[in-house]
Each structure stands twice: as C-alpha cells, then as structure tokens.
N, C-alpha and C. Protein backbone atom coordinates (compact mmCIF):
# COMPACT_ATOMS: atom_id res chain seq x y z
N MET A 1 -171.81 10.23 -5.53
CA MET A 1 -172.46 10.74 -6.73
C MET A 1 -171.75 10.16 -7.96
N PRO A 2 -172.49 9.62 -8.92
CA PRO A 2 -171.85 9.07 -10.11
C PRO A 2 -171.17 10.16 -10.93
N LYS A 3 -170.18 9.74 -11.69
CA LYS A 3 -169.45 10.68 -12.53
C LYS A 3 -170.16 10.93 -13.85
N LEU A 4 -171.27 10.23 -14.07
CA LEU A 4 -171.99 10.34 -15.33
C LEU A 4 -173.28 11.13 -15.11
N PRO A 5 -173.42 12.28 -15.75
CA PRO A 5 -174.66 13.04 -15.57
C PRO A 5 -175.81 12.36 -16.29
N GLY A 6 -177.01 12.84 -16.06
CA GLY A 6 -178.16 12.29 -16.76
C GLY A 6 -177.98 12.44 -18.27
N VAL A 7 -178.40 11.44 -19.02
CA VAL A 7 -178.21 11.42 -20.47
C VAL A 7 -179.56 11.20 -21.13
N ASN A 8 -179.79 11.85 -22.26
CA ASN A 8 -180.99 11.62 -23.05
C ASN A 8 -181.02 10.14 -23.45
N HIS A 9 -182.17 9.50 -23.36
CA HIS A 9 -182.24 8.06 -23.63
C HIS A 9 -181.87 7.72 -25.07
N LEU A 10 -182.16 8.59 -26.02
CA LEU A 10 -181.79 8.31 -27.41
C LEU A 10 -180.29 8.35 -27.63
N ARG A 11 -179.60 9.29 -26.95
CA ARG A 11 -178.13 9.34 -27.02
C ARG A 11 -177.52 8.09 -26.43
N ALA A 12 -178.10 7.61 -25.32
CA ALA A 12 -177.58 6.40 -24.68
C ALA A 12 -177.77 5.19 -25.59
N VAL A 13 -178.92 5.08 -26.23
CA VAL A 13 -179.17 3.95 -27.13
C VAL A 13 -178.23 4.00 -28.32
N ARG A 14 -178.03 5.18 -28.91
CA ARG A 14 -177.11 5.31 -30.05
C ARG A 14 -175.69 4.93 -29.65
N ALA A 15 -175.27 5.34 -28.46
CA ALA A 15 -173.92 5.00 -27.99
C ALA A 15 -173.78 3.50 -27.81
N LEU A 16 -174.79 2.86 -27.27
CA LEU A 16 -174.74 1.40 -27.10
C LEU A 16 -174.75 0.70 -28.45
N GLU A 17 -175.49 1.23 -29.41
CA GLU A 17 -175.50 0.63 -30.75
C GLU A 17 -174.12 0.76 -31.41
N ARG A 18 -173.44 1.89 -31.19
CA ARG A 18 -172.07 2.05 -31.70
C ARG A 18 -171.13 1.00 -31.11
N ALA A 19 -171.43 0.58 -29.89
CA ALA A 19 -170.60 -0.42 -29.21
C ALA A 19 -170.98 -1.84 -29.61
N GLY A 20 -171.96 -2.00 -30.50
CA GLY A 20 -172.30 -3.33 -30.98
C GLY A 20 -173.59 -3.91 -30.44
N PHE A 21 -174.31 -3.18 -29.59
CA PHE A 21 -175.58 -3.67 -29.06
C PHE A 21 -176.66 -3.52 -30.13
N LYS A 22 -177.61 -4.42 -30.12
CA LYS A 22 -178.74 -4.39 -31.06
C LYS A 22 -180.03 -4.28 -30.26
N ILE A 23 -181.00 -3.54 -30.78
CA ILE A 23 -182.29 -3.39 -30.12
C ILE A 23 -183.08 -4.68 -30.31
N ASP A 24 -183.52 -5.27 -29.19
CA ASP A 24 -184.34 -6.48 -29.23
C ASP A 24 -185.81 -6.12 -29.34
N ARG A 25 -186.25 -5.21 -28.46
CA ARG A 25 -187.64 -4.76 -28.48
C ARG A 25 -187.72 -3.43 -27.74
N HIS A 26 -188.84 -2.75 -27.89
CA HIS A 26 -189.00 -1.48 -27.21
C HIS A 26 -190.47 -1.22 -26.92
N GLY A 27 -190.67 -0.40 -25.94
CA GLY A 27 -191.99 0.02 -25.46
C GLY A 27 -191.71 1.18 -24.54
N LYS A 28 -192.07 1.02 -23.26
CA LYS A 28 -191.72 2.04 -22.28
C LYS A 28 -190.23 1.99 -21.96
N HIS A 29 -189.61 0.85 -22.25
CA HIS A 29 -188.17 0.67 -22.08
C HIS A 29 -187.61 0.12 -23.38
N ILE A 30 -186.32 0.36 -23.61
CA ILE A 30 -185.66 -0.17 -24.80
C ILE A 30 -184.73 -1.28 -24.34
N PHE A 31 -184.90 -2.48 -24.89
CA PHE A 31 -184.12 -3.65 -24.51
C PHE A 31 -183.06 -3.88 -25.59
N LEU A 32 -181.79 -3.91 -25.18
CA LEU A 32 -180.69 -4.13 -26.11
C LEU A 32 -179.89 -5.33 -25.65
N SER A 33 -179.23 -5.99 -26.61
CA SER A 33 -178.38 -7.13 -26.25
C SER A 33 -177.17 -7.19 -27.17
N LYS A 34 -176.14 -7.80 -26.64
CA LYS A 34 -174.90 -8.05 -27.38
C LYS A 34 -174.35 -9.35 -26.82
N GLY A 35 -174.65 -10.44 -27.50
CA GLY A 35 -174.25 -11.75 -26.99
C GLY A 35 -174.95 -12.01 -25.66
N PRO A 36 -174.19 -12.35 -24.63
CA PRO A 36 -174.82 -12.64 -23.33
C PRO A 36 -175.19 -11.39 -22.53
N LEU A 37 -174.73 -10.20 -22.96
CA LEU A 37 -175.01 -8.96 -22.24
C LEU A 37 -176.38 -8.43 -22.64
N LYS A 38 -177.17 -8.06 -21.64
CA LYS A 38 -178.48 -7.48 -21.88
C LYS A 38 -178.60 -6.19 -21.08
N VAL A 39 -179.16 -5.17 -21.72
CA VAL A 39 -179.27 -3.85 -21.09
C VAL A 39 -180.68 -3.32 -21.34
N VAL A 40 -181.23 -2.63 -20.35
CA VAL A 40 -182.54 -2.01 -20.47
C VAL A 40 -182.39 -0.52 -20.23
N VAL A 41 -182.85 0.29 -21.20
CA VAL A 41 -182.77 1.75 -21.09
C VAL A 41 -184.20 2.28 -21.00
N PRO A 42 -184.55 2.98 -19.90
CA PRO A 42 -185.89 3.55 -19.81
C PRO A 42 -186.03 4.76 -20.73
N ARG A 43 -187.25 5.02 -21.15
CA ARG A 43 -187.48 6.19 -22.02
C ARG A 43 -187.78 7.41 -21.17
N ASN A 44 -186.81 7.83 -20.36
CA ASN A 44 -186.91 9.04 -19.55
C ASN A 44 -185.92 10.05 -20.10
N ASN A 45 -186.29 11.30 -20.06
CA ASN A 45 -185.34 12.34 -20.48
C ASN A 45 -185.18 13.33 -19.37
N PRO A 46 -183.99 13.47 -18.83
CA PRO A 46 -182.85 12.59 -19.05
C PRO A 46 -182.96 11.34 -18.18
N VAL A 47 -182.21 10.31 -18.54
CA VAL A 47 -182.13 9.11 -17.71
C VAL A 47 -181.33 9.51 -16.47
N ASP A 48 -181.85 9.19 -15.31
CA ASP A 48 -181.21 9.54 -14.04
C ASP A 48 -179.76 9.09 -14.01
N ALA A 49 -178.90 9.86 -13.36
CA ALA A 49 -177.46 9.57 -13.32
C ALA A 49 -177.18 8.20 -12.70
N TYR A 50 -177.89 7.85 -11.63
CA TYR A 50 -177.66 6.56 -10.99
C TYR A 50 -178.11 5.41 -11.89
N THR A 51 -179.23 5.59 -12.57
CA THR A 51 -179.71 4.56 -13.50
C THR A 51 -178.73 4.42 -14.66
N MET A 52 -178.24 5.56 -15.17
CA MET A 52 -177.30 5.52 -16.30
C MET A 52 -176.01 4.82 -15.88
N ALA A 53 -175.55 5.04 -14.66
CA ALA A 53 -174.34 4.37 -14.18
C ALA A 53 -174.55 2.86 -14.11
N ALA A 54 -175.73 2.43 -13.71
CA ALA A 54 -176.04 0.99 -13.65
C ALA A 54 -176.10 0.39 -15.05
N ILE A 55 -176.65 1.13 -16.01
CA ILE A 55 -176.72 0.66 -17.39
C ILE A 55 -175.31 0.49 -17.95
N VAL A 56 -174.45 1.46 -17.70
CA VAL A 56 -173.06 1.40 -18.18
C VAL A 56 -172.36 0.20 -17.58
N ARG A 57 -172.55 -0.03 -16.29
CA ARG A 57 -171.93 -1.18 -15.62
C ARG A 57 -172.44 -2.50 -16.19
N ASP A 58 -173.76 -2.59 -16.42
CA ASP A 58 -174.34 -3.81 -16.98
C ASP A 58 -173.84 -4.07 -18.40
N ALA A 59 -173.53 -3.00 -19.14
CA ALA A 59 -173.04 -3.14 -20.51
C ALA A 59 -171.56 -3.53 -20.54
N GLY A 60 -170.89 -3.48 -19.39
CA GLY A 60 -169.49 -3.89 -19.33
C GLY A 60 -168.51 -2.78 -19.62
N PHE A 61 -168.95 -1.53 -19.49
CA PHE A 61 -168.07 -0.39 -19.75
C PHE A 61 -167.73 0.34 -18.46
N THR A 62 -166.65 1.11 -18.51
CA THR A 62 -166.39 2.07 -17.46
C THR A 62 -167.08 3.36 -17.86
N VAL A 63 -167.22 4.28 -16.94
CA VAL A 63 -167.86 5.56 -17.23
C VAL A 63 -167.07 6.29 -18.32
N GLU A 64 -165.76 6.24 -18.27
CA GLU A 64 -164.92 6.92 -19.25
C GLU A 64 -165.11 6.32 -20.64
N GLN A 65 -165.18 5.01 -20.73
CA GLN A 65 -165.38 4.35 -22.02
C GLN A 65 -166.74 4.75 -22.60
N PHE A 66 -167.76 4.81 -21.77
CA PHE A 66 -169.10 5.16 -22.26
C PHE A 66 -169.14 6.62 -22.70
N LYS A 67 -168.47 7.51 -21.98
CA LYS A 67 -168.43 8.92 -22.37
C LYS A 67 -167.82 9.09 -23.75
N GLU A 68 -166.83 8.26 -24.07
CA GLU A 68 -166.21 8.33 -25.40
C GLU A 68 -167.21 7.92 -26.49
N LEU A 69 -168.11 6.99 -26.18
CA LEU A 69 -169.12 6.55 -27.15
C LEU A 69 -170.19 7.62 -27.38
N LEU A 70 -170.43 8.46 -26.35
CA LEU A 70 -171.43 9.53 -26.51
C LEU A 70 -170.89 10.53 -27.48
C-alpha cells in the first residue's frame, strides 16, 4: 500500500506548480511539464493513492518530498 493517501487533483496540481511545473494543457487530464519531466494528473477527486504515487515518482520526488509541497 502506498504511503500517500488519495489527494484532491487541484491540491496535487498546486503542489507541482510550487515545485516549478507549468501547465501545458488541460481537459479530462491536466498535463504539466518541467524541462524534460512530464506529468499527467487526472481530474478525479480524490486521485487514487496508487495513481498519485506514480505521479510523484514521474515528477522525480519521494513521497516525503511531495507531502511537504502539499
């Protein structure tokens, strides 16, 4: 079981923006990028814990680092 509970998609996007990610486009999913890193956040509330863990990993953070951004 991941150590990260489900997170509201808007909180996740704001946390990623604080880390320097910029929104590229949005629709049913929100696409963010920071240089070569690309992340996709679905517009589900809450975002499933397993999906959120994969997003954090793709963004290059540990779970603890991401929790600090929330």
